[in-house]
Amino acid sequence: MKIAADTKIVVRYLVCDDAAQAEAAARAIEQAEVVVLSTVVLCEVVWVLRRAYRYGTGEVAGVLRRLIESRGVEVDRPLAEAGLAALAAGGDFADGVILAEAGRARCDRLVTFDRGFPMTTSGIEVAIPA
């Protein structure tokens, strides 16, 4: 069976802080032949692990890397790698994904109010509107 897992399933599977839900999440994930994790779910998982569980950047990156490289797990690999690269550079996973999606869409400029948004050599100008 091929399943898509939402954020709460993935978080419970990873952190096991609620025994009953962790067991149910593990059963669903481990019995599936394929587990599809959307990029939105990956962004939310990173946010929850950092904010609610206080995982450090290295911990988040390691957990996420192991998850996306697990047998049967399908993700949008280029976007996941862009998010991980942004984390490794001290940035935000979601910002890396957003910038990669802008590149994929062949945007010339990414407009943001986020002054901490990564400035990269992606060829996309990052601009803060006046």
Protein backbone atom coordinates (compact mmCIF):
# COMPACT_ATOMS: atom_id res chain seq x y z
CA MET A 1 0.00 0.00 0.00
CA LYS A 2 1.13 3.55 -0.78
CA ILE A 3 0.30 6.18 1.85
CA ALA A 4 0.80 9.88 2.35
CA ALA A 5 1.66 10.79 5.93
CA ASP A 6 0.75 14.08 7.54
CA THR A 7 2.91 16.09 9.91
CA LYS A 8 1.48 14.69 13.14
CA ILE A 9 2.04 11.10 12.01
CA VAL A 10 5.65 11.85 11.09
CA VAL A 11 6.36 13.77 14.31
CA ARG A 12 4.85 11.04 16.50
CA TYR A 13 6.89 8.46 14.59
CA LEU A 14 10.09 10.43 15.12
CA VAL A 15 9.76 11.63 18.72
CA CYS A 16 7.61 8.88 20.32
CA ASP A 17 6.30 11.25 23.00
CA ASP A 18 2.79 9.75 23.03
CA ALA A 19 3.09 5.96 23.24
CA ALA A 20 -0.27 5.08 21.67
CA GLN A 21 0.06 7.56 18.81
CA ALA A 22 3.72 6.68 18.24
CA GLU A 23 2.80 3.01 17.97
CA ALA A 24 -0.05 3.72 15.56
CA ALA A 25 2.17 6.00 13.46
CA ALA A 26 4.95 3.42 13.35
CA ARG A 27 2.50 0.71 12.33
CA ALA A 28 1.09 2.85 9.50
CA ILE A 29 4.52 3.89 8.23
CA GLU A 30 6.26 0.54 8.59
CA GLN A 31 3.44 -1.47 7.01
CA ALA A 32 3.29 0.76 3.95
CA GLU A 33 5.24 -0.15 0.86
CA VAL A 34 5.63 3.53 -0.01
CA VAL A 35 5.33 6.58 2.23
CA VAL A 36 4.91 9.89 0.43
CA LEU A 37 6.04 12.94 2.37
CA SER A 38 5.05 16.22 0.81
CA THR A 39 7.41 19.16 0.97
CA VAL A 40 4.84 20.97 3.11
CA VAL A 41 4.97 18.11 5.62
CA LEU A 42 8.77 18.24 5.67
CA CYS A 43 8.70 22.00 6.32
CA GLU A 44 6.18 21.54 9.14
CA VAL A 45 8.15 18.66 10.68
CA VAL A 46 11.28 20.82 10.76
CA TRP A 47 9.34 23.68 12.35
CA VAL A 48 7.77 21.41 15.01
CA LEU A 49 11.07 19.72 15.87
CA ARG A 50 12.86 23.06 16.25
CA ARG A 51 10.13 25.02 18.03
CA ALA A 52 8.18 22.50 20.09
CA TYR A 53 10.91 19.95 20.78
CA ARG A 54 13.90 22.32 20.76
CA TYR A 55 15.97 20.14 18.44
CA GLY A 56 19.16 21.79 17.27
CA THR A 57 19.93 22.32 13.62
CA GLY A 58 22.24 19.31 13.43
CA GLU A 59 19.68 17.06 15.10
CA VAL A 60 16.93 18.20 12.74
CA ALA A 61 19.13 17.72 9.69
CA GLY A 62 20.17 14.25 10.82
CA VAL A 63 16.64 13.11 11.61
CA LEU A 64 15.34 14.49 8.33
CA ARG A 65 18.17 12.96 6.30
CA ARG A 66 17.56 9.51 7.84
CA LEU A 67 13.83 9.86 7.24
CA ILE A 68 14.02 10.84 3.58
CA GLU A 69 16.63 8.16 2.87
CA SER A 70 14.51 5.43 4.46
CA ARG A 71 13.36 2.56 2.30
CA GLY A 72 10.04 3.29 0.62
CA VAL A 73 9.97 7.00 1.46
CA GLU A 74 9.23 9.29 -1.47
CA VAL A 75 9.91 13.04 -1.35
CA ASP A 76 10.59 15.76 -3.87
CA ARG A 77 14.32 15.15 -3.58
CA PRO A 78 15.61 18.42 -5.08
CA LEU A 79 13.40 20.48 -2.75
CA ALA A 80 14.33 18.39 0.29
CA GLU A 81 18.03 18.75 -0.55
CA ALA A 82 17.62 22.52 -0.98
CA GLY A 83 16.01 22.71 2.45
CA LEU A 84 18.77 20.63 4.01
CA ALA A 85 21.41 22.80 2.32
CA ALA A 86 19.77 25.91 3.78
CA LEU A 87 19.81 24.30 7.24
CA ALA A 88 23.47 23.37 6.85
CA ALA A 89 24.25 26.99 5.94
CA GLY A 90 22.59 28.18 9.14
CA GLY A 91 19.34 29.14 7.47
CA ASP A 92 15.78 27.92 7.47
CA PHE A 93 14.65 24.70 5.78
CA ALA A 94 11.48 26.29 4.39
CA ASP A 95 13.42 29.27 2.98
CA GLY A 96 15.66 26.86 1.09
CA VAL A 97 12.59 25.11 -0.32
CA ILE A 98 10.97 28.42 -1.29
CA LEU A 99 14.11 29.57 -3.09
CA ALA A 100 14.43 26.24 -4.91
CA GLU A 101 10.79 26.40 -6.00
CA ALA A 102 11.34 29.94 -7.28
CA GLY A 103 14.30 28.67 -9.28
CA ARG A 104 12.28 25.76 -10.61
CA ALA A 105 9.63 28.24 -11.76
CA ARG A 106 12.37 30.32 -13.43
CA CYS A 107 11.59 33.41 -11.40
CA ASP A 108 13.88 36.39 -11.74
CA ARG A 109 13.17 37.74 -8.27
CA LEU A 110 11.91 36.44 -4.96
CA VAL A 111 10.19 39.16 -2.95
CA THR A 112 10.14 38.86 0.84
CA PHE A 113 9.98 40.92 4.01
CA ASP A 114 12.32 38.39 5.66
CA ARG A 115 15.65 40.19 6.05
CA GLY A 116 17.25 36.89 7.03
CA PHE A 117 16.27 35.18 3.78
CA PRO A 118 19.28 33.42 2.26
CA MET A 119 21.11 35.28 -0.43
CA THR A 120 22.44 32.60 -2.74
CA THR A 121 24.14 32.18 -6.05
CA SER A 122 20.96 30.61 -7.41
CA GLY A 123 20.63 33.37 -9.95
CA ILE A 124 17.48 34.67 -8.31
CA GLU A 125 17.51 38.13 -6.87
CA VAL A 126 16.07 38.27 -3.34
CA ALA A 127 14.43 41.64 -2.78
CA ILE A 128 12.64 43.39 0.08
CA PRO A 129 9.90 45.66 -1.28
CA ALA A 130 9.99 49.34 -0.39
